[in-house]
Amino acid sequence: MAKYSRIEVAQTMKENGMVPLFFHSDIELSKKVLKACYDGGSRLMEFTSRGDFAHEVFGALNKYALAELPGMILGVGSITDAASASLYMSLGANFIVTPVFREDIAIACNRRKVLWSPGCGTLTEIARAEELGCEIVKLFPADTYGPEFIKAIKGPCPWTNIMPTGGVYPTVESLSSWLNAGATCVGLGSQLISKDILEKKDFDGLTIKVKQVLDIIKDIRK
């Protein structure tokens, strides 16, 4: 069962401005990545379900977060069906992120009052997702659309909250372009938690990088 309500999760996404995305099959390494992000100031992590037995890794990570990292909100991404969403919610997932828009996932999450963020690429999809209770829409792949897409959507629909993922970089220029266009928060995967960091196990470097990104976001929002 989720510890945090969908409203609490949505508020934290808005406040933090950034959601790190990450997957690795090694539980101990994953814990260190999670701790590094936490130490850098992030209070969110999207664990992407992209490998065999990924749910087992997530279960261990969530238990670790609940025991050792107060206030850390762990969710799951790359979910493509309601059964997978239900599996992860039974392991305590606090939010579900999908690369596609599926009503069956919306229904499963809404039953448990868990935030779900579907990947949408048109205003029609976004509007339908909001009709089904979506708080924050995922724009994916964001680099296909660009910041101007968000600006255009926010014109007729200023209430819409959008999280671009895929094509966002941890730089002042990139973050400024998305946030100034109206993005509520951004998703950052390998551009933040790089293959090089994982290979070198540079967790201190990751902590510094996460803090830098969050500081940039705060400066942009001033």
N, C-alpha and C. Protein backbone atom coordinates (compact mmCIF):
# COMPACT_ATOMS: atom_id res chain seq x y z
N MET A 1 0.84 -1.20 0.00
CA MET A 1 0.00 0.00 0.00
C MET A 1 0.88 1.25 0.00
N ALA A 2 0.50 2.22 -0.81
CA ALA A 2 1.27 3.47 -0.90
C ALA A 2 1.24 4.22 0.42
N LYS A 3 2.37 4.77 0.81
CA LYS A 3 2.43 5.57 2.03
C LYS A 3 1.95 6.98 1.78
N TYR A 4 2.15 7.47 0.54
CA TYR A 4 1.83 8.85 0.22
C TYR A 4 0.64 8.92 -0.75
N SER A 5 -0.28 9.83 -0.49
CA SER A 5 -1.44 10.00 -1.35
C SER A 5 -1.02 10.63 -2.68
N ARG A 6 -1.89 10.53 -3.66
CA ARG A 6 -1.54 11.11 -4.96
C ARG A 6 -1.39 12.63 -4.89
N ILE A 7 -2.11 13.26 -3.98
CA ILE A 7 -1.98 14.71 -3.83
C ILE A 7 -0.62 15.04 -3.21
N GLU A 8 -0.20 14.27 -2.23
CA GLU A 8 1.12 14.48 -1.62
C GLU A 8 2.24 14.27 -2.63
N VAL A 9 2.09 13.24 -3.47
CA VAL A 9 3.11 12.96 -4.48
C VAL A 9 3.16 14.08 -5.52
N ALA A 10 1.99 14.50 -5.98
CA ALA A 10 1.93 15.58 -6.98
C ALA A 10 2.56 16.86 -6.42
N GLN A 11 2.29 17.15 -5.16
CA GLN A 11 2.84 18.36 -4.55
C GLN A 11 4.36 18.27 -4.44
N THR A 12 4.86 17.10 -4.09
CA THR A 12 6.31 16.92 -3.99
C THR A 12 6.97 17.03 -5.36
N MET A 13 6.32 16.50 -6.40
CA MET A 13 6.84 16.64 -7.76
C MET A 13 6.94 18.11 -8.14
N LYS A 14 5.92 18.88 -7.80
CA LYS A 14 5.91 20.30 -8.12
C LYS A 14 7.01 21.04 -7.34
N GLU A 15 7.14 20.70 -6.06
CA GLU A 15 8.12 21.38 -5.21
C GLU A 15 9.56 21.04 -5.60
N ASN A 16 9.84 19.75 -5.82
CA ASN A 16 11.20 19.34 -6.19
C ASN A 16 11.56 19.78 -7.59
N GLY A 17 10.60 19.64 -8.51
CA GLY A 17 10.84 20.05 -9.89
C GLY A 17 11.58 19.05 -10.74
N MET A 18 12.01 17.94 -10.13
CA MET A 18 12.78 16.94 -10.87
C MET A 18 12.54 15.55 -10.29
N VAL A 19 12.34 14.57 -11.19
CA VAL A 19 12.17 13.18 -10.79
C VAL A 19 13.28 12.35 -11.44
N PRO A 20 14.22 11.81 -10.67
CA PRO A 20 15.24 10.94 -11.24
C PRO A 20 14.63 9.61 -11.67
N LEU A 21 15.10 9.09 -12.81
CA LEU A 21 14.65 7.79 -13.31
C LEU A 21 15.84 6.84 -13.30
N PHE A 22 15.58 5.60 -12.88
CA PHE A 22 16.71 4.69 -12.74
C PHE A 22 16.26 3.24 -12.70
N PHE A 23 17.09 2.36 -13.31
CA PHE A 23 16.90 0.92 -13.14
C PHE A 23 18.26 0.23 -13.09
N HIS A 24 18.37 -0.71 -12.19
CA HIS A 24 19.51 -1.62 -12.17
C HIS A 24 19.08 -2.89 -11.47
N SER A 25 19.61 -4.01 -11.90
CA SER A 25 19.21 -5.29 -11.33
C SER A 25 19.89 -5.61 -10.00
N ASP A 26 20.97 -4.87 -9.69
CA ASP A 26 21.70 -5.09 -8.46
C ASP A 26 21.06 -4.30 -7.32
N ILE A 27 20.55 -5.00 -6.33
CA ILE A 27 19.83 -4.34 -5.24
C ILE A 27 20.73 -3.42 -4.44
N GLU A 28 21.92 -3.87 -4.08
CA GLU A 28 22.80 -3.05 -3.24
C GLU A 28 23.26 -1.79 -3.98
N LEU A 29 23.59 -1.93 -5.25
CA LEU A 29 23.96 -0.76 -6.04
C LEU A 29 22.77 0.21 -6.14
N SER A 30 21.59 -0.34 -6.33
CA SER A 30 20.39 0.49 -6.44
C SER A 30 20.14 1.27 -5.15
N LYS A 31 20.39 0.64 -4.02
CA LYS A 31 20.23 1.33 -2.74
C LYS A 31 21.19 2.52 -2.64
N LYS A 32 22.40 2.32 -3.11
CA LYS A 32 23.39 3.40 -3.04
C LYS A 32 23.02 4.56 -3.97
N VAL A 33 22.46 4.22 -5.13
CA VAL A 33 21.99 5.27 -6.04
C VAL A 33 20.84 6.05 -5.40
N LEU A 34 19.91 5.33 -4.81
CA LEU A 34 18.78 5.96 -4.15
C LEU A 34 19.25 6.87 -3.01
N LYS A 35 20.19 6.38 -2.23
CA LYS A 35 20.72 7.17 -1.10
C LYS A 35 21.46 8.41 -1.61
N ALA A 36 22.19 8.27 -2.70
CA ALA A 36 22.92 9.41 -3.26
C ALA A 36 21.94 10.50 -3.73
N CYS A 37 20.86 10.08 -4.37
CA CYS A 37 19.85 11.05 -4.82
C CYS A 37 19.18 11.71 -3.61
N TYR A 38 18.92 10.92 -2.59
CA TYR A 38 18.31 11.44 -1.36
C TYR A 38 19.24 12.46 -0.69
N ASP A 39 20.51 12.11 -0.59
CA ASP A 39 21.48 13.02 0.02
C ASP A 39 21.64 14.31 -0.78
N GLY A 40 21.39 14.22 -2.09
CA GLY A 40 21.47 15.40 -2.93
C GLY A 40 20.25 16.30 -2.83
N GLY A 41 19.21 15.81 -2.13
CA GLY A 41 18.01 16.63 -1.92
C GLY A 41 16.76 16.14 -2.62
N SER A 42 16.89 15.12 -3.45
CA SER A 42 15.71 14.60 -4.14
C SER A 42 14.84 13.82 -3.16
N ARG A 43 13.55 14.00 -3.26
CA ARG A 43 12.63 13.25 -2.43
C ARG A 43 11.71 12.38 -3.28
N LEU A 44 12.16 12.14 -4.50
CA LEU A 44 11.42 11.29 -5.44
C LEU A 44 12.38 10.41 -6.22
N MET A 45 11.92 9.22 -6.57
CA MET A 45 12.68 8.36 -7.47
C MET A 45 11.69 7.51 -8.26
N GLU A 46 11.84 7.52 -9.58
CA GLU A 46 11.06 6.63 -10.45
C GLU A 46 11.94 5.44 -10.81
N PHE A 47 11.61 4.29 -10.26
CA PHE A 47 12.33 3.06 -10.59
C PHE A 47 11.68 2.48 -11.85
N THR A 48 12.44 2.43 -12.94
CA THR A 48 11.87 1.98 -14.21
C THR A 48 11.89 0.45 -14.29
N SER A 49 10.73 -0.11 -14.54
CA SER A 49 10.57 -1.57 -14.56
C SER A 49 10.98 -2.11 -15.92
N ARG A 50 12.27 -2.38 -16.07
CA ARG A 50 12.77 -2.74 -17.40
C ARG A 50 13.62 -4.01 -17.43
N GLY A 51 13.56 -4.80 -16.41
CA GLY A 51 14.37 -6.02 -16.39
C GLY A 51 13.64 -7.16 -15.71
N ASP A 52 14.12 -8.36 -15.91
CA ASP A 52 13.55 -9.53 -15.24
C ASP A 52 13.67 -9.36 -13.72
N PHE A 53 12.62 -9.74 -13.03
CA PHE A 53 12.57 -9.67 -11.57
C PHE A 53 12.74 -8.25 -11.04
N ALA A 54 12.38 -7.28 -11.88
CA ALA A 54 12.51 -5.88 -11.45
C ALA A 54 11.66 -5.59 -10.22
N HIS A 55 10.52 -6.26 -10.11
CA HIS A 55 9.65 -6.02 -8.95
C HIS A 55 10.32 -6.44 -7.64
N GLU A 56 11.20 -7.44 -7.71
CA GLU A 56 11.90 -7.87 -6.51
C GLU A 56 12.90 -6.79 -6.06
N VAL A 57 13.56 -6.18 -7.03
CA VAL A 57 14.49 -5.09 -6.71
C VAL A 57 13.72 -3.92 -6.11
N PHE A 58 12.58 -3.60 -6.74
CA PHE A 58 11.78 -2.49 -6.23
C PHE A 58 11.31 -2.75 -4.81
N GLY A 59 10.84 -3.95 -4.54
CA GLY A 59 10.37 -4.27 -3.20
C GLY A 59 11.45 -4.05 -2.16
N ALA A 60 12.66 -4.48 -2.46
CA ALA A 60 13.78 -4.29 -1.54
C ALA A 60 14.12 -2.81 -1.38
N LEU A 61 14.08 -2.07 -2.49
CA LEU A 61 14.37 -0.63 -2.45
C LEU A 61 13.35 0.12 -1.62
N ASN A 62 12.08 -0.23 -1.80
CA ASN A 62 11.03 0.49 -1.07
C ASN A 62 11.11 0.21 0.42
N LYS A 63 11.42 -1.01 0.79
CA LYS A 63 11.61 -1.34 2.21
C LYS A 63 12.78 -0.54 2.78
N TYR A 64 13.83 -0.42 1.99
CA TYR A 64 15.00 0.36 2.41
C TYR A 64 14.64 1.83 2.59
N ALA A 65 13.89 2.38 1.62
CA ALA A 65 13.50 3.79 1.70
C ALA A 65 12.63 4.04 2.93
N LEU A 66 11.69 3.16 3.18
CA LEU A 66 10.79 3.33 4.32
C LEU A 66 11.54 3.26 5.65
N ALA A 67 12.58 2.42 5.70
CA ALA A 67 13.32 2.23 6.94
C ALA A 67 14.42 3.26 7.16
N GLU A 68 15.05 3.70 6.07
CA GLU A 68 16.27 4.50 6.21
C GLU A 68 16.20 5.92 5.63
N LEU A 69 15.23 6.19 4.76
CA LEU A 69 15.21 7.48 4.06
C LEU A 69 13.86 8.17 4.27
N PRO A 70 13.64 8.78 5.41
CA PRO A 70 12.35 9.42 5.68
C PRO A 70 11.99 10.49 4.66
N GLY A 71 10.78 10.39 4.16
CA GLY A 71 10.30 11.37 3.19
C GLY A 71 10.59 11.02 1.75
N MET A 72 11.33 9.94 1.50
CA MET A 72 11.64 9.54 0.13
C MET A 72 10.43 8.84 -0.48
N ILE A 73 9.99 9.32 -1.63
CA ILE A 73 8.80 8.79 -2.30
C ILE A 73 9.24 7.97 -3.51
N LEU A 74 9.03 6.69 -3.44
CA LEU A 74 9.47 5.79 -4.50
C LEU A 74 8.28 5.36 -5.35
N GLY A 75 8.42 5.50 -6.67
CA GLY A 75 7.39 5.07 -7.61
C GLY A 75 8.01 4.22 -8.70
N VAL A 76 7.19 3.83 -9.66
CA VAL A 76 7.63 2.92 -10.72
C VAL A 76 7.25 3.47 -12.09
N GLY A 77 8.19 3.33 -13.05
CA GLY A 77 7.92 3.77 -14.41
C GLY A 77 7.99 2.62 -15.41
N SER A 78 7.73 2.92 -16.66
CA SER A 78 7.73 1.94 -17.75
C SER A 78 6.66 0.86 -17.56
N ILE A 79 5.55 1.25 -16.94
CA ILE A 79 4.44 0.32 -16.73
C ILE A 79 3.49 0.41 -17.93
N THR A 80 3.12 -0.74 -18.49
CA THR A 80 2.30 -0.73 -19.71
C THR A 80 0.98 -1.48 -19.58
N ASP A 81 0.67 -1.99 -18.38
CA ASP A 81 -0.62 -2.68 -18.21
C ASP A 81 -1.05 -2.61 -16.75
N ALA A 82 -2.33 -2.81 -16.52
CA ALA A 82 -2.89 -2.67 -15.18
C ALA A 82 -2.37 -3.73 -14.22
N ALA A 83 -2.12 -4.93 -14.72
CA ALA A 83 -1.62 -6.01 -13.86
C ALA A 83 -0.27 -5.64 -13.26
N SER A 84 0.61 -5.08 -14.09
CA SER A 84 1.93 -4.66 -13.59
C SER A 84 1.78 -3.52 -12.58
N ALA A 85 0.88 -2.59 -12.87
CA ALA A 85 0.64 -1.50 -11.94
C ALA A 85 0.17 -2.03 -10.59
N SER A 86 -0.74 -2.99 -10.62
CA SER A 86 -1.26 -3.57 -9.38
C SER A 86 -0.18 -4.31 -8.61
N LEU A 87 0.69 -5.01 -9.34
CA LEU A 87 1.79 -5.72 -8.70
C LEU A 87 2.67 -4.75 -7.92
N TYR A 88 3.04 -3.65 -8.56
CA TYR A 88 3.93 -2.69 -7.90
C TYR A 88 3.22 -1.94 -6.78
N MET A 89 1.93 -1.69 -6.94
CA MET A 89 1.21 -1.04 -5.85
C MET A 89 1.12 -1.94 -4.64
N SER A 90 1.06 -3.25 -4.86
CA SER A 90 1.05 -4.19 -3.73
C SER A 90 2.38 -4.18 -3.00
N LEU A 91 3.42 -3.70 -3.68
CA LEU A 91 4.75 -3.57 -3.07
C LEU A 91 4.99 -2.17 -2.52
N GLY A 92 3.95 -1.34 -2.55
CA GLY A 92 4.04 -0.02 -1.93
C GLY A 92 4.39 1.12 -2.85
N ALA A 93 4.31 0.92 -4.17
CA ALA A 93 4.63 2.01 -5.10
C ALA A 93 3.73 3.21 -4.84
N ASN A 94 4.34 4.38 -4.73
CA ASN A 94 3.59 5.60 -4.43
C ASN A 94 3.11 6.34 -5.67
N PHE A 95 3.63 5.98 -6.82
CA PHE A 95 3.13 6.53 -8.08
C PHE A 95 3.50 5.59 -9.21
N ILE A 96 2.73 5.66 -10.27
CA ILE A 96 2.92 4.82 -11.44
C ILE A 96 3.07 5.71 -12.67
N VAL A 97 4.15 5.53 -13.40
CA VAL A 97 4.40 6.31 -14.62
C VAL A 97 4.39 5.36 -15.81
N THR A 98 3.71 5.76 -16.88
CA THR A 98 3.58 4.90 -18.05
C THR A 98 4.06 5.63 -19.31
N PRO A 99 4.62 4.90 -20.27
CA PRO A 99 5.03 5.54 -21.52
C PRO A 99 3.84 5.76 -22.46
N VAL A 100 2.70 5.16 -22.12
CA VAL A 100 1.51 5.25 -22.97
C VAL A 100 0.30 5.62 -22.11
N PHE A 101 -0.78 6.03 -22.77
CA PHE A 101 -2.02 6.34 -22.08
C PHE A 101 -2.94 5.13 -22.15
N ARG A 102 -3.26 4.57 -20.98
CA ARG A 102 -4.14 3.40 -20.90
C ARG A 102 -5.15 3.60 -19.78
N GLU A 103 -6.42 3.45 -20.13
CA GLU A 103 -7.47 3.65 -19.15
C GLU A 103 -7.48 2.57 -18.07
N ASP A 104 -7.05 1.35 -18.42
CA ASP A 104 -7.06 0.28 -17.42
C ASP A 104 -6.08 0.58 -16.28
N ILE A 105 -4.96 1.23 -16.61
CA ILE A 105 -4.01 1.61 -15.57
C ILE A 105 -4.60 2.73 -14.72
N ALA A 106 -5.29 3.68 -15.36
CA ALA A 106 -5.93 4.77 -14.61
C ALA A 106 -6.91 4.22 -13.59
N ILE A 107 -7.72 3.27 -14.01
CA ILE A 107 -8.74 2.68 -13.13
C ILE A 107 -8.08 1.96 -11.95
N ALA A 108 -7.04 1.16 -12.25
CA ALA A 108 -6.36 0.41 -11.19
C ALA A 108 -5.74 1.36 -10.16
N CYS A 109 -5.12 2.43 -10.63
CA CYS A 109 -4.48 3.39 -9.72
C CYS A 109 -5.50 4.21 -8.95
N ASN A 110 -6.55 4.63 -9.63
CA ASN A 110 -7.57 5.46 -8.97
C ASN A 110 -8.29 4.69 -7.87
N ARG A 111 -8.43 3.40 -8.05
CA ARG A 111 -9.06 2.59 -7.00
C ARG A 111 -8.30 2.71 -5.69
N ARG A 112 -6.99 2.86 -5.79
CA ARG A 112 -6.12 2.92 -4.60
C ARG A 112 -5.65 4.34 -4.28
N LYS A 113 -6.16 5.29 -5.04
CA LYS A 113 -5.78 6.70 -4.88
C LYS A 113 -4.27 6.91 -5.02
N VAL A 114 -3.70 6.19 -5.97
CA VAL A 114 -2.27 6.30 -6.27
C VAL A 114 -2.09 7.17 -7.51
N LEU A 115 -1.16 8.09 -7.45
CA LEU A 115 -0.92 8.97 -8.60
C LEU A 115 -0.43 8.15 -9.79
N TRP A 116 -0.98 8.44 -10.95
CA TRP A 116 -0.51 7.82 -12.19
C TRP A 116 -0.22 8.94 -13.19
N SER A 117 0.88 8.78 -13.91
CA SER A 117 1.31 9.80 -14.86
C SER A 117 1.50 9.15 -16.22
N PRO A 118 0.51 9.27 -17.11
CA PRO A 118 0.58 8.59 -18.41
C PRO A 118 1.35 9.39 -19.45
N GLY A 119 2.03 8.68 -20.33
CA GLY A 119 2.69 9.32 -21.45
C GLY A 119 1.68 9.76 -22.48
N CYS A 120 1.62 11.05 -22.75
CA CYS A 120 0.66 11.60 -23.71
C CYS A 120 1.39 12.44 -24.75
N GLY A 121 0.83 12.47 -25.96
CA GLY A 121 1.47 13.21 -27.03
C GLY A 121 0.56 14.15 -27.79
N THR A 122 -0.73 14.21 -27.36
CA THR A 122 -1.67 15.13 -27.99
C THR A 122 -2.53 15.78 -26.91
N LEU A 123 -3.12 16.90 -27.24
CA LEU A 123 -4.01 17.57 -26.29
C LEU A 123 -5.23 16.70 -26.00
N THR A 124 -5.68 15.95 -26.97
CA THR A 124 -6.82 15.06 -26.75
C THR A 124 -6.48 13.99 -25.71
N GLU A 125 -5.29 13.40 -25.82
CA GLU A 125 -4.87 12.41 -24.83
C GLU A 125 -4.73 13.04 -23.45
N ILE A 126 -4.16 14.23 -23.40
CA ILE A 126 -3.99 14.92 -22.14
C ILE A 126 -5.34 15.20 -21.48
N ALA A 127 -6.29 15.71 -22.28
CA ALA A 127 -7.61 16.02 -21.75
C ALA A 127 -8.31 14.77 -21.23
N ARG A 128 -8.18 13.67 -21.96
CA ARG A 128 -8.81 12.41 -21.52
C ARG A 128 -8.16 11.91 -20.23
N ALA A 129 -6.85 12.03 -20.14
CA ALA A 129 -6.15 11.61 -18.93
C ALA A 129 -6.63 12.43 -17.73
N GLU A 130 -6.81 13.72 -17.93
CA GLU A 130 -7.27 14.59 -16.84
C GLU A 130 -8.71 14.25 -16.46
N GLU A 131 -9.52 13.89 -17.44
CA GLU A 131 -10.90 13.46 -17.14
C GLU A 131 -10.90 12.21 -16.26
N LEU A 132 -9.84 11.40 -16.38
CA LEU A 132 -9.72 10.18 -15.59
C LEU A 132 -8.93 10.40 -14.30
N GLY A 133 -8.70 11.66 -13.95
CA GLY A 133 -8.10 11.98 -12.66
C GLY A 133 -6.60 12.20 -12.64
N CYS A 134 -5.97 12.32 -13.80
CA CYS A 134 -4.52 12.51 -13.83
C CYS A 134 -4.13 13.88 -13.29
N GLU A 135 -3.17 13.90 -12.37
CA GLU A 135 -2.68 15.15 -11.79
C GLU A 135 -1.53 15.74 -12.62
N ILE A 136 -0.60 14.88 -13.05
CA ILE A 136 0.57 15.32 -13.81
C ILE A 136 0.76 14.40 -15.00
N VAL A 137 0.72 14.95 -16.19
CA VAL A 137 0.88 14.20 -17.43
C VAL A 137 2.36 14.09 -17.78
N LYS A 138 2.76 12.95 -18.29
CA LYS A 138 4.12 12.77 -18.76
C LYS A 138 4.17 13.07 -20.27
N LEU A 139 5.05 13.95 -20.68
CA LEU A 139 5.27 14.21 -22.10
C LEU A 139 6.45 13.36 -22.54
N PHE A 140 6.18 12.37 -23.39
CA PHE A 140 7.22 11.42 -23.77
C PHE A 140 7.03 10.94 -25.22
N PRO A 141 8.13 10.87 -25.98
CA PRO A 141 9.47 11.39 -25.67
C PRO A 141 9.52 12.90 -25.86
N ALA A 142 9.96 13.61 -24.85
CA ALA A 142 9.86 15.06 -24.85
C ALA A 142 10.64 15.72 -25.97
N ASP A 143 11.78 15.14 -26.35
CA ASP A 143 12.59 15.77 -27.39
C ASP A 143 11.91 15.75 -28.75
N THR A 144 10.91 14.91 -28.91
CA THR A 144 10.14 14.89 -30.16
C THR A 144 9.24 16.11 -30.27
N TYR A 145 8.82 16.62 -29.13
CA TYR A 145 7.87 17.74 -29.10
C TYR A 145 8.52 19.08 -28.82
N GLY A 146 9.42 19.12 -27.85
CA GLY A 146 10.10 20.36 -27.51
C GLY A 146 9.30 21.23 -26.56
N PRO A 147 9.97 22.21 -25.92
CA PRO A 147 9.31 23.09 -24.95
C PRO A 147 8.12 23.86 -25.52
N GLU A 148 8.17 24.19 -26.80
CA GLU A 148 7.08 24.96 -27.39
C GLU A 148 5.76 24.21 -27.33
N PHE A 149 5.82 22.89 -27.32
CA PHE A 149 4.60 22.09 -27.21
C PHE A 149 3.90 22.37 -25.88
N ILE A 150 4.68 22.41 -24.81
CA ILE A 150 4.11 22.68 -23.49
C ILE A 150 3.51 24.08 -23.45
N LYS A 151 4.24 25.03 -24.00
CA LYS A 151 3.75 26.40 -24.02
C LYS A 151 2.41 26.49 -24.77
N ALA A 152 2.30 25.75 -25.86
CA ALA A 152 1.07 25.75 -26.64
C ALA A 152 -0.08 25.13 -25.85
N ILE A 153 0.19 24.03 -25.14
CA ILE A 153 -0.84 23.36 -24.36
C ILE A 153 -1.32 24.24 -23.22
N LYS A 154 -0.38 24.93 -22.56
CA LYS A 154 -0.72 25.75 -21.40
C LYS A 154 -1.56 26.96 -21.77
N GLY A 155 -1.58 27.31 -23.07
CA GLY A 155 -2.41 28.44 -23.51
C GLY A 155 -3.88 28.20 -23.23
N PRO A 156 -4.48 27.19 -23.89
CA PRO A 156 -5.90 26.91 -23.65
C PRO A 156 -6.16 26.13 -22.37
N CYS A 157 -5.14 25.48 -21.83
CA CYS A 157 -5.31 24.62 -20.65
C CYS A 157 -4.27 24.97 -19.57
N PRO A 158 -4.38 26.14 -18.96
CA PRO A 158 -3.36 26.56 -17.98
C PRO A 158 -3.32 25.68 -16.73
N TRP A 159 -4.36 24.90 -16.52
CA TRP A 159 -4.41 24.01 -15.33
C TRP A 159 -3.63 22.72 -15.53
N THR A 160 -3.20 22.45 -16.74
CA THR A 160 -2.52 21.19 -17.04
C THR A 160 -1.09 21.18 -16.49
N ASN A 161 -0.74 20.10 -15.80
CA ASN A 161 0.61 19.91 -15.27
C ASN A 161 1.33 18.87 -16.12
N ILE A 162 2.51 19.23 -16.62
CA ILE A 162 3.23 18.37 -17.55
C ILE A 162 4.65 18.11 -17.07
N MET A 163 5.06 16.84 -17.17
CA MET A 163 6.42 16.42 -16.82
C MET A 163 7.11 15.88 -18.07
N PRO A 164 7.94 16.68 -18.74
CA PRO A 164 8.67 16.18 -19.90
C PRO A 164 9.76 15.19 -19.49
N THR A 165 9.86 14.10 -20.22
CA THR A 165 10.87 13.07 -19.95
C THR A 165 11.41 12.56 -21.28
N GLY A 166 12.72 12.43 -21.36
CA GLY A 166 13.34 12.00 -22.62
C GLY A 166 13.70 13.22 -23.45
N GLY A 167 14.95 13.65 -23.36
CA GLY A 167 15.34 14.87 -24.07
C GLY A 167 15.56 16.05 -23.14
N VAL A 168 15.49 15.80 -21.83
CA VAL A 168 15.79 16.83 -20.85
C VAL A 168 17.21 16.59 -20.34
N TYR A 169 17.98 17.66 -20.23
CA TYR A 169 19.37 17.54 -19.79
C TYR A 169 19.60 18.34 -18.50
N PRO A 170 20.54 17.92 -17.66
CA PRO A 170 20.79 18.60 -16.38
C PRO A 170 21.65 19.85 -16.54
N THR A 171 21.24 20.73 -17.44
CA THR A 171 21.97 21.97 -17.69
C THR A 171 21.04 23.16 -17.50
N VAL A 172 21.63 24.31 -17.27
CA VAL A 172 20.83 25.54 -17.10
C VAL A 172 19.99 25.79 -18.35
N GLU A 173 20.62 25.64 -19.51
CA GLU A 173 19.92 25.92 -20.77
C GLU A 173 18.71 25.01 -20.97
N SER A 174 18.91 23.70 -20.80
CA SER A 174 17.84 22.75 -21.02
C SER A 174 16.72 22.90 -19.99
N LEU A 175 17.10 22.96 -18.72
CA LEU A 175 16.09 23.08 -17.67
C LEU A 175 15.32 24.39 -17.79
N SER A 176 16.00 25.46 -18.14
CA SER A 176 15.33 26.75 -18.31
C SER A 176 14.29 26.68 -19.43
N SER A 177 14.67 26.04 -20.54
CA SER A 177 13.76 25.99 -21.68
C SER A 177 12.46 25.25 -21.34
N TRP A 178 12.57 24.17 -20.58
CA TRP A 178 11.38 23.39 -20.22
C TRP A 178 10.56 24.07 -19.13
N LEU A 179 11.21 24.52 -18.08
CA LEU A 179 10.49 25.12 -16.97
C LEU A 179 9.87 26.46 -17.34
N ASN A 180 10.58 27.25 -18.10
CA ASN A 180 10.04 28.54 -18.53
C ASN A 180 8.89 28.39 -19.52
N ALA A 181 8.84 27.23 -20.18
CA ALA A 181 7.73 26.95 -21.09
C ALA A 181 6.48 26.51 -20.33
N GLY A 182 6.66 26.19 -19.04
CA GLY A 182 5.50 25.83 -18.24
C GLY A 182 5.50 24.43 -17.66
N ALA A 183 6.62 23.69 -17.81
CA ALA A 183 6.69 22.34 -17.25
C ALA A 183 6.58 22.41 -15.73
N THR A 184 5.82 21.49 -15.16
CA THR A 184 5.66 21.42 -13.71
C THR A 184 6.90 20.84 -13.06
N CYS A 185 7.46 19.82 -13.69
CA CYS A 185 8.70 19.19 -13.24
C CYS A 185 9.28 18.46 -14.44
N VAL A 186 10.47 17.91 -14.29
CA VAL A 186 11.10 17.19 -15.40
C VAL A 186 11.55 15.82 -14.92
N GLY A 187 11.58 14.86 -15.83
CA GLY A 187 12.12 13.55 -15.55
C GLY A 187 13.52 13.44 -16.13
N LEU A 188 14.47 12.97 -15.33
CA LEU A 188 15.87 12.84 -15.78
C LEU A 188 16.36 11.43 -15.53
N GLY A 189 16.79 10.76 -16.59
CA GLY A 189 17.28 9.40 -16.47
C GLY A 189 18.78 9.32 -16.61
N SER A 190 19.24 8.75 -17.73
CA SER A 190 20.67 8.50 -17.91
C SER A 190 21.49 9.79 -18.03
N GLN A 191 20.84 10.90 -18.32
CA GLN A 191 21.57 12.17 -18.35
C GLN A 191 21.98 12.60 -16.94
N LEU A 192 21.27 12.08 -15.95
CA LEU A 192 21.59 12.38 -14.55
C LEU A 192 22.35 11.23 -13.92
N ILE A 193 21.78 10.04 -13.99
CA ILE A 193 22.41 8.85 -13.42
C ILE A 193 23.05 8.10 -14.58
N SER A 194 24.23 8.53 -14.95
CA SER A 194 24.87 8.06 -16.17
C SER A 194 25.50 6.68 -16.01
N LYS A 195 25.77 6.06 -17.14
CA LYS A 195 26.45 4.77 -17.15
C LYS A 195 27.83 4.90 -16.53
N ASP A 196 28.47 6.03 -16.77
CA ASP A 196 29.80 6.26 -16.22
C ASP A 196 29.77 6.32 -14.68
N ILE A 197 28.77 6.99 -14.13
CA ILE A 197 28.63 7.07 -12.68
C ILE A 197 28.43 5.68 -12.09
N LEU A 198 27.62 4.88 -12.77
CA LEU A 198 27.34 3.53 -12.26
C LEU A 198 28.57 2.64 -12.35
N GLU A 199 29.29 2.73 -13.45
CA GLU A 199 30.48 1.90 -13.61
C GLU A 199 31.56 2.26 -12.60
N LYS A 200 31.71 3.56 -12.34
CA LYS A 200 32.74 4.02 -11.39
C LYS A 200 32.23 4.00 -9.94
N LYS A 201 30.92 3.76 -9.80
CA LYS A 201 30.28 3.80 -8.48
C LYS A 201 30.57 5.12 -7.77
N ASP A 202 30.44 6.18 -8.56
CA ASP A 202 30.72 7.53 -8.07
C ASP A 202 29.47 8.11 -7.42
N PHE A 203 29.10 7.59 -6.27
CA PHE A 203 27.87 8.00 -5.61
C PHE A 203 27.98 9.40 -5.02
N ASP A 204 29.18 9.77 -4.58
CA ASP A 204 29.38 11.14 -4.09
C ASP A 204 29.19 12.13 -5.24
N GLY A 205 29.70 11.77 -6.41
CA GLY A 205 29.53 12.62 -7.58
C GLY A 205 28.07 12.75 -7.97
N LEU A 206 27.31 11.67 -7.81
CA LEU A 206 25.87 11.70 -8.12
C LEU A 206 25.14 12.62 -7.15
N THR A 207 25.50 12.54 -5.89
CA THR A 207 24.89 13.42 -4.88
C THR A 207 25.10 14.88 -5.25
N ILE A 208 26.32 15.21 -5.65
CA ILE A 208 26.64 16.58 -6.05
C ILE A 208 25.84 16.99 -7.27
N LYS A 209 25.72 16.09 -8.23
CA LYS A 209 25.00 16.38 -9.47
C LYS A 209 23.52 16.62 -9.21
N VAL A 210 22.93 15.80 -8.35
CA VAL A 210 21.52 15.97 -8.01
C VAL A 210 21.30 17.32 -7.33
N LYS A 211 22.16 17.65 -6.40
CA LYS A 211 22.04 18.94 -5.71
C LYS A 211 22.18 20.10 -6.69
N GLN A 212 23.10 19.98 -7.63
CA GLN A 212 23.29 21.05 -8.62
C GLN A 212 22.02 21.26 -9.45
N VAL A 213 21.41 20.14 -9.87
CA VAL A 213 20.19 20.24 -10.68
C VAL A 213 19.06 20.90 -9.88
N LEU A 214 18.89 20.48 -8.64
CA LEU A 214 17.84 21.07 -7.81
C LEU A 214 18.10 22.54 -7.54
N ASP A 215 19.36 22.92 -7.40
CA ASP A 215 19.70 24.33 -7.20
C ASP A 215 19.41 25.14 -8.47
N ILE A 216 19.71 24.56 -9.62
CA ILE A 216 19.41 25.24 -10.88
C ILE A 216 17.91 25.48 -11.02
N ILE A 217 17.12 24.47 -10.67
CA ILE A 217 15.67 24.58 -10.76
C ILE A 217 15.16 25.68 -9.83
N LYS A 218 15.70 25.75 -8.61
CA LYS A 218 15.30 26.81 -7.67
C LYS A 218 15.63 28.18 -8.23
N ASP A 219 16.81 28.31 -8.83
CA ASP A 219 17.21 29.61 -9.40
C ASP A 219 16.31 30.01 -10.55
N ILE A 220 15.96 29.05 -11.39
CA ILE A 220 15.08 29.34 -12.54
C ILE A 220 13.72 29.82 -12.07
N ARG A 221 13.24 29.24 -10.98
CA ARG A 221 11.90 29.55 -10.49
C ARG A 221 11.81 30.86 -9.69
N LYS A 222 12.96 31.46 -9.38
CA LYS A 222 12.94 32.70 -8.59
C LYS A 222 12.26 33.83 -9.35
